[in-house]
Amino acid sequence: MSHKSFSIKIKNRIKPYNKTIEVDSDKSLSIRSFLIGSICENISTVTNVLESEDVKSTIEACKKLGVKIVKFSSGSYKIYGKGLGSLFAKKNTIINCFNSGTLARLLLGILSTTPNIKIMITGDSSLRKRSMKKLVQLMSEFGATFLPKNKFNFPLKIISTDMPIGINYSAGVSAQLKSAVILAGLNSYGNTKVIERTMSRDHTENLLKKNKKTINIKYDKKKIIEVYGKKSLEHFKLNISGDPSSSAFFSALTLLNKNSLLKIKNVGLNPTRIGFYKLLREQKAKIKFMNIKKDNNELRGDIVIKSCKLKPIISPAHFYPSTADEFPILFVLAGLTKGISVFKGIGDLVNKESNRIKEMQKVLGQVGIKTVSTKNELKIYGKGMVDASNKIIIIQKGIHDHRIHMASFVLALLTGSTTKLKGFDTVFTSSPSFLKIMKKLGAKFEIQR
């Protein structure tokens, strides 16, 4: 999975543009399609897959568990499902999830209730720092065992249970934990019930929805997901839309780049994923959704963005689950908009690929933007469009966080600061076309190997 590390150097402001682009495919859906396809009956077909590092790690993991996956054209795959409870690996197999928290958590959900699993799960240096405590506790409720005891970081050995029993779970803001519980429930005896008070992304439920005997979703002030264990899953056909999180970075650039217009085609517009756009529309941002259609329970359409004057951003806590990936770029917009912006309920950002609050405070500080954070809140004292051509932004090696790098890239293009982003290759975990698209928009940068 390794590729050569490189740095990016930027020292020019971007000029106005009027362009139409397509962004990389949705990472969340790409990862889920392989994992769920592996435990369905028969052959599932997925097209327009994101061929990024995280998705390649997912395909490798599935193959190590005995799943046949065949690529038949660019971005198109057949997944030969083994059925529920049929994944298998030799004792002491090691599966490396590299940088992908989604893969790690969802895979452990599936494996916890798959009989005869005794394997090691690990990840890269960034993933090994992330606590898996809540996940380990939840999967232990189903009956799985994790070794060493009382250790909550990878590498971990998982010993699955042969007698998994469904659980009741009151979900928080993490879609990955919710998905892990749903996936573990699929092969458990009895029923698993997930009560969701705060909506988090629902791609897992959407992919499973047509299995009416398996999953039932009700709404009664809150969302109740019931999973009926031990029912086989039907194969599916899925064409994956563009990633709304990747789109956010190009959208932000356009909003603040004077006299610019951008159309992004075929983007996923799942309501649990578009908090970034809803929030900015509340601040009078010129963002429109067009040509909306539904495919496999997922909405998609085009996004049209026009540069405009923004108001300071006031982001209440309930925006967090539908905006988690976009906060780094929202912090950039806030820094370059006059007035005080406030982001509440963001405490969970410390457990992402990096501590996203702290890292973005460092980046904004380098161009002279003041920020004040408490455990669950960040205030940004926006200066408006600063000319930072006399300032330097540096991201040191060791920050393996694609969103921090992408947000810093946009900040550099808008302020003209001389910028060096080390280890920029981490962006390829989610957005392999990022630099190509930036070039198309007129960004000037230098790749240093």
Protein backbone atom coordinates (compact mmCIF):
# COMPACT_ATOMS: atom_id res chain seq x y z
CA MET A 1 0.00 0.00 0.00
CA SER A 2 2.96 2.30 0.38
CA HIS A 3 3.67 5.05 -2.10
CA LYS A 4 6.39 7.67 -2.22
CA SER A 5 5.95 10.54 0.19
CA PHE A 6 6.08 14.02 -1.34
CA SER A 7 5.64 17.67 -0.36
CA ILE A 8 3.72 20.45 -2.07
CA LYS A 9 4.95 24.01 -2.39
CA ILE A 10 2.53 26.87 -3.15
CA LYS A 11 3.29 30.57 -3.38
CA ASN A 12 0.76 32.09 -5.76
CA ARG A 13 -2.79 33.23 -5.24
CA ILE A 14 -5.39 31.61 -7.48
CA LYS A 15 -7.08 33.70 -10.20
CA PRO A 16 -10.85 33.83 -10.92
CA TYR A 17 -12.29 30.85 -12.81
CA ASN A 18 -15.52 29.52 -14.33
CA LYS A 19 -15.33 25.73 -14.55
CA THR A 20 -17.23 22.42 -14.45
CA ILE A 21 -15.61 19.48 -12.64
CA GLU A 22 -16.29 15.99 -11.35
CA VAL A 23 -14.74 14.96 -8.04
CA ASP A 24 -13.51 11.61 -6.78
CA SER A 25 -16.16 9.03 -5.89
CA ASP A 26 -17.55 8.71 -2.39
CA LYS A 27 -15.13 6.99 0.00
CA SER A 28 -17.75 5.97 2.61
CA LEU A 29 -19.90 4.22 0.02
CA SER A 30 -16.93 2.61 -1.76
CA ILE A 31 -15.63 1.02 1.46
CA ARG A 32 -19.09 -0.12 2.59
CA SER A 33 -19.95 -1.66 -0.79
CA PHE A 34 -17.00 -4.11 -0.63
CA LEU A 35 -17.57 -5.05 3.02
CA ILE A 36 -21.32 -5.58 2.64
CA GLY A 37 -20.95 -7.20 -0.80
CA SER A 38 -18.61 -9.76 0.80
CA ILE A 39 -21.34 -11.03 3.16
CA CYS A 40 -24.20 -10.98 0.61
CA GLU A 41 -25.29 -13.98 -1.46
CA ASN A 42 -24.15 -14.20 -5.10
CA ILE A 43 -22.33 -11.51 -7.07
CA SER A 44 -22.68 -7.79 -6.35
CA THR A 45 -21.52 -5.25 -8.94
CA VAL A 46 -20.13 -1.83 -8.01
CA THR A 47 -19.15 0.84 -10.55
CA ASN A 48 -17.46 4.24 -10.25
CA VAL A 49 -15.57 3.03 -7.15
CA LEU A 50 -13.07 5.40 -5.54
CA GLU A 51 -9.69 3.79 -6.23
CA SER A 52 -7.90 5.45 -3.31
CA GLU A 53 -5.53 4.02 -0.69
CA ASP A 54 -8.30 3.42 1.88
CA VAL A 55 -10.44 1.54 -0.64
CA LYS A 56 -7.49 -0.55 -1.85
CA SER A 57 -6.87 -1.50 1.81
CA THR A 58 -10.52 -2.60 2.01
CA ILE A 59 -10.28 -4.79 -1.11
CA GLU A 60 -7.07 -6.39 0.24
CA ALA A 61 -8.72 -7.09 3.60
CA CYS A 62 -11.73 -8.76 1.94
CA LYS A 63 -9.44 -10.93 -0.21
CA LYS A 64 -7.51 -12.05 2.88
CA LEU A 65 -10.86 -13.22 4.29
CA GLY A 66 -11.47 -15.45 1.26
CA VAL A 67 -13.62 -13.13 -0.87
CA LYS A 68 -13.12 -13.19 -4.62
CA ILE A 69 -13.14 -9.66 -6.07
CA VAL A 70 -12.67 -9.11 -9.80
CA LYS A 71 -12.01 -5.74 -11.44
CA PHE A 72 -13.59 -5.73 -14.90
CA SER A 73 -12.93 -2.12 -15.96
CA SER A 74 -11.68 1.12 -14.45
CA GLY A 75 -13.50 1.65 -11.14
CA SER A 76 -15.80 -1.35 -11.73
CA TYR A 77 -15.77 -4.53 -9.64
CA LYS A 78 -17.62 -7.79 -9.12
CA ILE A 79 -17.75 -8.99 -5.52
CA TYR A 80 -18.40 -12.72 -5.15
CA GLY A 81 -20.29 -12.71 -1.85
CA LYS A 82 -19.65 -15.58 0.56
CA GLY A 83 -22.85 -15.07 2.55
CA LEU A 84 -23.29 -14.17 6.21
CA GLY A 85 -20.88 -15.77 8.68
CA SER A 86 -18.71 -17.31 5.95
CA LEU A 87 -15.63 -15.09 5.96
CA PHE A 88 -12.57 -17.03 6.96
CA ALA A 89 -8.86 -16.48 7.59
CA LYS A 90 -6.06 -18.73 8.77
CA LYS A 91 -5.24 -18.37 12.46
CA ASN A 92 -2.93 -15.42 13.19
CA THR A 93 -3.53 -13.75 9.82
CA ILE A 94 -2.72 -10.03 10.04
CA ILE A 95 -5.04 -7.53 8.36
CA ASN A 96 -3.66 -4.02 7.96
CA CYS A 97 -6.30 -1.27 7.69
CA PHE A 98 -3.55 1.33 7.08
CA ASN A 99 -5.14 4.81 7.48
CA SER A 100 -8.81 3.81 7.34
CA GLY A 101 -10.84 4.09 10.54
CA THR A 102 -14.00 3.25 8.56
CA LEU A 103 -12.53 -0.04 7.35
CA ALA A 104 -11.21 -0.94 10.82
CA ARG A 105 -14.45 -0.31 12.69
CA LEU A 106 -16.84 -1.82 10.12
CA LEU A 107 -14.66 -4.88 9.55
CA LEU A 108 -14.49 -5.55 13.29
CA GLY A 109 -18.29 -5.31 13.33
CA ILE A 110 -18.55 -8.06 10.72
CA LEU A 111 -15.79 -10.27 12.17
CA SER A 112 -16.96 -10.12 15.81
CA THR A 113 -19.97 -12.33 15.02
CA THR A 114 -18.37 -14.45 12.26
CA PRO A 115 -17.46 -17.87 13.74
CA ASN A 116 -13.85 -19.13 14.00
CA ILE A 117 -12.05 -15.81 13.55
CA LYS A 118 -8.73 -15.40 15.37
CA ILE A 119 -6.73 -12.70 13.63
CA MET A 120 -4.67 -9.55 14.24
CA ILE A 121 -5.91 -6.15 13.09
CA THR A 122 -3.49 -3.24 12.78
CA GLY A 123 -3.07 0.07 10.97
CA ASP A 124 -0.56 2.81 10.15
CA SER A 125 0.97 5.10 12.79
CA SER A 126 -2.03 7.46 12.61
CA LEU A 127 -4.66 4.71 12.99
CA ARG A 128 -2.70 3.06 15.80
CA LYS A 129 -3.03 6.30 17.80
CA ARG A 130 -6.85 6.30 17.58
CA SER A 131 -8.71 4.81 20.53
CA MET A 132 -10.99 1.87 19.70
CA LYS A 133 -12.32 1.66 23.26
CA LYS A 134 -16.03 2.19 22.47
CA LEU A 135 -15.85 -0.27 19.58
CA VAL A 136 -14.12 -2.95 21.67
CA GLN A 137 -16.73 -2.53 24.44
CA LEU A 138 -19.63 -2.81 21.96
CA MET A 139 -18.25 -5.88 20.18
CA SER A 140 -17.54 -7.50 23.56
CA GLU A 141 -21.28 -7.16 24.29
CA PHE A 142 -21.92 -9.38 21.25
CA GLY A 143 -19.47 -11.89 22.74
CA ALA A 144 -16.21 -11.16 20.90
CA THR A 145 -12.88 -11.10 22.79
CA PHE A 146 -9.99 -8.69 22.21
CA LEU A 147 -6.40 -9.23 23.30
CA PRO A 148 -4.38 -7.94 25.04
CA LYS A 149 -7.12 -7.23 27.63
CA ASN A 150 -7.73 -3.57 28.48
CA LYS A 151 -5.78 -2.37 25.44
CA PHE A 152 -7.78 -0.17 23.07
CA ASN A 153 -5.34 0.72 20.30
CA PHE A 154 -4.24 -1.35 17.32
CA PRO A 155 -2.66 -3.82 16.91
CA LEU A 156 -5.41 -5.94 18.52
CA LYS A 157 -6.18 -9.63 18.27
CA ILE A 158 -9.85 -10.41 17.74
CA ILE A 159 -11.36 -13.76 18.74
CA SER A 160 -14.92 -13.89 17.42
CA THR A 161 -17.85 -15.49 19.19
CA ASP A 162 -19.64 -18.61 17.92
CA MET A 163 -22.78 -17.70 19.89
CA PRO A 164 -23.35 -13.99 19.18
CA ILE A 165 -26.47 -12.49 20.78
CA GLY A 166 -28.06 -9.26 19.51
CA ILE A 167 -27.73 -6.12 21.64
CA ASN A 168 -29.50 -2.80 22.21
CA TYR A 169 -27.41 0.26 21.45
CA SER A 170 -28.11 3.93 21.98
CA ALA A 171 -26.08 5.57 19.20
CA GLY A 172 -24.03 8.76 19.53
CA VAL A 173 -22.56 10.87 16.72
CA SER A 174 -20.37 8.12 15.24
CA ALA A 175 -21.73 6.54 12.07
CA GLN A 176 -18.86 4.04 12.17
CA LEU A 177 -19.85 2.66 15.58
CA LYS A 178 -23.50 2.52 14.51
CA SER A 179 -22.52 0.67 11.32
CA ALA A 180 -20.32 -1.77 13.27
CA VAL A 181 -23.28 -2.63 15.55
CA ILE A 182 -25.63 -3.12 12.57
CA LEU A 183 -23.09 -5.34 10.79
CA ALA A 184 -22.42 -7.40 13.93
CA GLY A 185 -26.18 -7.77 14.42
CA LEU A 186 -26.64 -9.29 10.96
CA ASN A 187 -25.08 -12.60 12.03
CA SER A 188 -26.25 -12.62 15.67
CA TYR A 189 -29.06 -14.67 17.19
CA GLY A 190 -32.17 -12.66 18.00
CA ASN A 191 -32.56 -8.97 17.24
CA THR A 192 -30.27 -5.98 17.51
CA LYS A 193 -31.80 -2.57 18.13
CA VAL A 194 -30.10 0.77 17.47
CA ILE A 195 -31.75 3.92 18.79
CA GLU A 196 -30.44 7.04 17.11
CA ARG A 197 -31.23 10.44 18.58
CA THR A 198 -28.75 12.40 16.47
CA MET A 199 -28.76 11.50 12.79
CA SER A 200 -25.36 10.33 11.53
CA ARG A 201 -24.53 9.16 8.00
CA ASP A 202 -26.79 6.30 6.94
CA HIS A 203 -25.08 4.63 3.95
CA THR A 204 -24.94 1.27 5.76
CA GLU A 205 -28.70 1.22 6.34
CA ASN A 206 -29.36 2.40 2.77
CA LEU A 207 -27.28 -0.43 1.30
CA LEU A 208 -29.11 -3.01 3.42
CA LYS A 209 -32.63 -1.53 3.12
CA LYS A 210 -33.92 -3.78 0.36
CA ASN A 211 -33.46 -6.78 2.70
CA LYS A 212 -36.86 -6.27 4.31
CA LYS A 213 -36.56 -9.44 6.44
CA THR A 214 -33.24 -8.22 7.82
CA ILE A 215 -33.64 -4.56 8.64
CA ASN A 216 -36.54 -2.34 9.64
CA ILE A 217 -36.27 1.42 10.22
CA LYS A 218 -38.92 3.38 12.12
CA TYR A 219 -39.12 7.04 13.06
CA ASP A 220 -40.73 8.13 16.30
CA LYS A 221 -39.09 11.39 17.50
CA LYS A 222 -35.92 9.36 17.06
CA LYS A 223 -34.77 6.79 14.52
CA ILE A 224 -35.04 3.12 15.51
CA ILE A 225 -33.12 0.55 13.46
CA GLU A 226 -34.05 -3.08 14.06
CA VAL A 227 -31.76 -5.81 12.72
CA TYR A 228 -33.11 -9.36 12.59
CA GLY A 229 -30.11 -11.69 12.76
CA LYS A 230 -29.21 -14.73 10.65
CA LYS A 231 -31.21 -13.78 7.51
CA SER A 232 -29.31 -13.98 4.23
CA LEU A 233 -28.59 -10.76 2.32
CA GLU A 234 -29.41 -10.11 -1.35
CA HIS A 235 -26.64 -9.02 -3.72
CA PHE A 236 -26.82 -5.49 -5.14
CA LYS A 237 -25.79 -3.26 -8.04
CA LEU A 238 -24.41 0.13 -7.11
CA ASN A 239 -23.05 3.09 -9.04
CA ILE A 240 -21.18 5.37 -6.64
CA SER A 241 -21.66 9.14 -6.79
CA GLY A 242 -19.05 11.87 -6.21
CA ASP A 243 -17.91 12.51 -2.64
CA PRO A 244 -19.61 15.53 -0.99
CA SER A 245 -16.69 15.87 1.46
CA SER A 246 -14.11 16.12 -1.33
CA SER A 247 -16.42 18.60 -3.11
CA ALA A 248 -16.45 20.85 -0.04
CA PHE A 249 -12.82 21.94 -0.53
CA PHE A 250 -13.41 23.10 -4.12
CA SER A 251 -16.69 24.73 -3.05
CA ALA A 252 -14.95 26.69 -0.27
CA LEU A 253 -12.24 27.87 -2.65
CA THR A 254 -14.89 29.11 -5.09
CA LEU A 255 -16.95 30.96 -2.44
CA LEU A 256 -14.00 33.15 -1.44
CA ASN A 257 -12.23 33.43 -4.81
CA LYS A 258 -13.65 36.64 -6.33
CA ASN A 259 -15.62 36.42 -9.61
CA SER A 260 -15.56 32.62 -9.67
CA LEU A 261 -18.19 30.06 -10.59
CA LEU A 262 -18.01 26.28 -10.25
CA LYS A 263 -20.31 23.41 -11.16
CA ILE A 264 -19.56 20.00 -9.60
CA LYS A 265 -21.39 17.18 -11.37
CA ASN A 266 -22.92 14.01 -9.93
CA VAL A 267 -22.25 14.50 -6.21
CA GLY A 268 -23.86 12.42 -3.44
CA LEU A 269 -26.45 14.61 -1.70
CA ASN A 270 -27.44 12.20 1.08
CA PRO A 271 -29.06 14.47 3.75
CA THR A 272 -26.74 13.05 6.45
CA ARG A 273 -23.67 14.21 4.48
CA ILE A 274 -24.43 17.79 3.41
CA GLY A 275 -24.19 19.71 6.70
CA PHE A 276 -21.35 21.79 5.21
CA TYR A 277 -23.61 23.10 2.43
CA LYS A 278 -26.67 23.62 4.64
CA LEU A 279 -24.62 25.53 7.20
CA LEU A 280 -23.09 27.83 4.58
CA ARG A 281 -26.42 28.44 2.89
CA GLU A 282 -27.63 29.75 6.26
CA GLN A 283 -24.75 32.27 6.08
CA LYS A 284 -26.04 33.43 2.67
CA ALA A 285 -23.55 31.42 0.59
CA LYS A 286 -24.47 31.08 -3.09
CA ILE A 287 -24.79 27.29 -3.31
CA LYS A 288 -27.47 25.52 -5.37
CA PHE A 289 -28.34 21.83 -5.81
CA MET A 290 -29.63 20.85 -9.27
CA ASN A 291 -30.69 17.76 -11.26
CA ILE A 292 -31.41 15.80 -8.07
CA LYS A 293 -32.28 12.11 -8.46
CA LYS A 294 -32.45 9.00 -6.28
CA ASP A 295 -30.48 5.84 -6.93
CA ASN A 296 -30.30 2.85 -4.53
CA ASN A 297 -31.79 4.92 -1.66
CA GLU A 298 -29.10 7.60 -2.17
CA LEU A 299 -29.72 11.13 -3.48
CA ARG A 300 -27.31 12.65 -6.00
CA GLY A 301 -27.15 15.78 -8.13
CA ASP A 302 -25.02 18.73 -9.27
CA ILE A 303 -23.73 21.51 -7.00
CA VAL A 304 -23.35 25.06 -8.37
CA ILE A 305 -21.23 27.51 -6.34
CA LYS A 306 -20.75 31.24 -6.93
CA SER A 307 -18.26 33.46 -5.13
CA CYS A 308 -19.93 35.79 -2.63
CA LYS A 309 -19.61 37.59 0.69
CA LEU A 310 -20.08 35.30 3.69
CA LYS A 311 -21.32 36.06 7.18
CA PRO A 312 -19.45 34.67 10.24
CA ILE A 313 -20.31 31.00 10.74
CA ILE A 314 -22.33 29.98 13.78
CA SER A 315 -22.34 26.18 13.87
CA PRO A 316 -24.57 24.58 16.55
CA ALA A 317 -23.68 21.13 17.94
CA HIS A 318 -26.38 19.35 15.90
CA PHE A 319 -24.43 20.08 12.70
CA TYR A 320 -21.51 17.92 13.84
CA PRO A 321 -22.52 14.44 12.55
CA SER A 322 -23.30 15.64 9.01
CA THR A 323 -20.21 17.87 8.80
CA ALA A 324 -17.42 15.99 10.64
CA ASP A 325 -15.07 15.76 7.63
CA GLU A 326 -15.51 19.37 6.55
CA PHE A 327 -14.64 21.25 9.75
CA PRO A 328 -11.00 21.91 8.74
CA ILE A 329 -12.15 23.76 5.60
CA LEU A 330 -14.97 25.50 7.51
CA PHE A 331 -12.31 26.82 9.91
CA VAL A 332 -10.45 28.27 6.90
CA LEU A 333 -13.63 29.97 5.63
CA ALA A 334 -14.26 31.36 9.12
CA GLY A 335 -10.71 32.72 9.36
CA LEU A 336 -11.09 34.54 6.04
CA THR A 337 -14.56 35.97 6.85
CA LYS A 338 -14.77 39.13 8.94
CA GLY A 339 -16.24 38.61 12.42
CA ILE A 340 -16.31 35.92 15.10
CA SER A 341 -17.31 32.41 14.05
CA VAL A 342 -18.28 29.81 16.66
CA PHE A 343 -18.25 26.01 16.26
CA LYS A 344 -19.97 24.04 19.04
CA GLY A 345 -20.12 20.31 19.82
CA ILE A 346 -16.91 19.47 17.98
CA GLY A 347 -15.04 17.64 20.77
CA ASP A 348 -14.95 14.40 18.76
CA LEU A 349 -12.60 16.01 16.21
CA VAL A 350 -9.65 15.16 18.47
CA ASN A 351 -10.12 11.47 17.59
CA LYS A 352 -9.90 11.85 13.80
CA GLU A 353 -6.79 11.19 11.68
CA SER A 354 -5.25 13.95 13.79
CA ASN A 355 -6.49 16.31 16.51
CA ARG A 356 -8.21 18.48 13.91
CA ILE A 357 -8.93 21.36 16.29
CA LYS A 358 -5.32 21.73 17.44
CA GLU A 359 -3.80 21.22 13.97
CA MET A 360 -6.07 23.79 12.29
CA GLN A 361 -5.37 26.30 15.10
CA LYS A 362 -1.66 25.92 14.29
CA VAL A 363 -2.29 26.43 10.56
CA LEU A 364 -4.52 29.51 11.02
CA GLY A 365 -2.10 30.95 13.57
CA GLN A 366 0.64 30.89 10.92
CA VAL A 367 -1.29 33.46 8.85
CA GLY A 368 -2.13 35.56 11.92
CA ILE A 369 -5.70 34.39 12.59
CA LYS A 370 -6.61 34.21 16.28
CA THR A 371 -8.52 31.19 17.62
CA VAL A 372 -9.66 30.14 21.10
CA SER A 373 -10.70 26.57 21.88
CA THR A 374 -12.31 24.77 24.78
CA LYS A 375 -12.94 21.02 24.95
CA ASN A 376 -16.06 21.15 22.78
CA GLU A 377 -15.95 24.54 21.05
CA LEU A 378 -13.76 26.67 18.80
CA LYS A 379 -13.99 30.45 18.30
CA ILE A 380 -12.29 31.94 15.26
CA TYR A 381 -11.69 35.67 15.05
CA GLY A 382 -12.03 36.09 11.29
CA LYS A 383 -9.96 38.82 9.63
CA GLY A 384 -11.60 38.81 6.20
CA MET A 385 -9.52 38.09 3.09
CA VAL A 386 -5.99 38.50 4.37
CA ASP A 387 -3.00 39.04 2.11
CA ALA A 388 -0.48 36.64 3.62
CA SER A 389 2.13 36.81 0.86
CA ASN A 390 4.71 37.72 3.54
CA LYS A 391 3.73 34.74 5.74
CA ILE A 392 4.76 31.08 5.67
CA ILE A 393 2.55 28.03 6.36
CA ILE A 394 4.33 24.77 7.06
CA ILE A 395 2.77 21.41 7.87
CA GLN A 396 5.44 19.17 9.33
CA LYS A 397 5.89 15.50 8.51
CA GLY A 398 3.89 13.12 10.66
CA ILE A 399 0.46 14.74 10.21
CA HIS A 400 -1.28 11.97 8.26
CA ASP A 401 -4.57 13.82 7.86
CA HIS A 402 -5.87 14.36 4.34
CA ARG A 403 -8.42 16.99 5.45
CA ILE A 404 -5.80 19.16 7.20
CA HIS A 405 -3.61 19.11 4.08
CA MET A 406 -6.52 19.90 1.73
CA ALA A 407 -7.74 22.77 3.92
CA SER A 408 -4.20 24.24 4.16
CA PHE A 409 -3.86 24.00 0.37
CA VAL A 410 -7.04 26.08 -0.08
CA LEU A 411 -5.89 28.59 2.55
CA ALA A 412 -2.60 29.05 0.67
CA LEU A 413 -4.32 29.64 -2.68
CA LEU A 414 -6.64 32.28 -1.17
CA THR A 415 -4.04 34.18 0.89
CA GLY A 416 -0.93 33.86 -1.27
CA SER A 417 1.19 32.67 1.65
CA THR A 418 4.34 30.70 0.83
CA THR A 419 3.31 27.21 1.88
CA LYS A 420 5.04 23.88 2.27
CA LEU A 421 2.85 20.85 3.00
CA LYS A 422 4.99 17.83 3.87
CA GLY A 423 3.59 14.31 3.45
CA PHE A 424 0.88 15.57 1.06
CA ASP A 425 0.50 12.03 -0.34
CA THR A 426 -1.90 11.38 2.60
CA VAL A 427 -4.54 13.22 0.50
CA PHE A 428 -4.62 10.21 -1.82
CA THR A 429 -6.39 8.19 0.91
CA SER A 430 -9.60 10.01 -0.07
CA SER A 431 -9.00 12.21 -3.10
CA PRO A 432 -6.47 10.91 -5.66
CA SER A 433 -7.62 13.56 -8.21
CA PHE A 434 -7.28 16.54 -5.85
CA LEU A 435 -4.15 18.02 -7.45
CA LYS A 436 -5.39 17.33 -11.00
CA ILE A 437 -8.64 19.22 -10.30
CA MET A 438 -6.79 22.10 -8.59
CA LYS A 439 -4.59 22.40 -11.69
CA LYS A 440 -7.72 22.57 -13.85
CA LEU A 441 -8.97 25.46 -11.70
CA GLY A 442 -5.68 27.30 -12.30
CA ALA A 443 -3.79 26.55 -9.07
CA LYS A 444 -0.01 26.78 -9.37
CA PHE A 445 2.04 24.48 -7.16
CA GLU A 446 5.24 22.49 -7.16
CA ILE A 447 5.60 18.81 -6.21
CA GLN A 448 8.79 18.07 -4.28
CA ARG A 449 9.79 14.43 -3.89
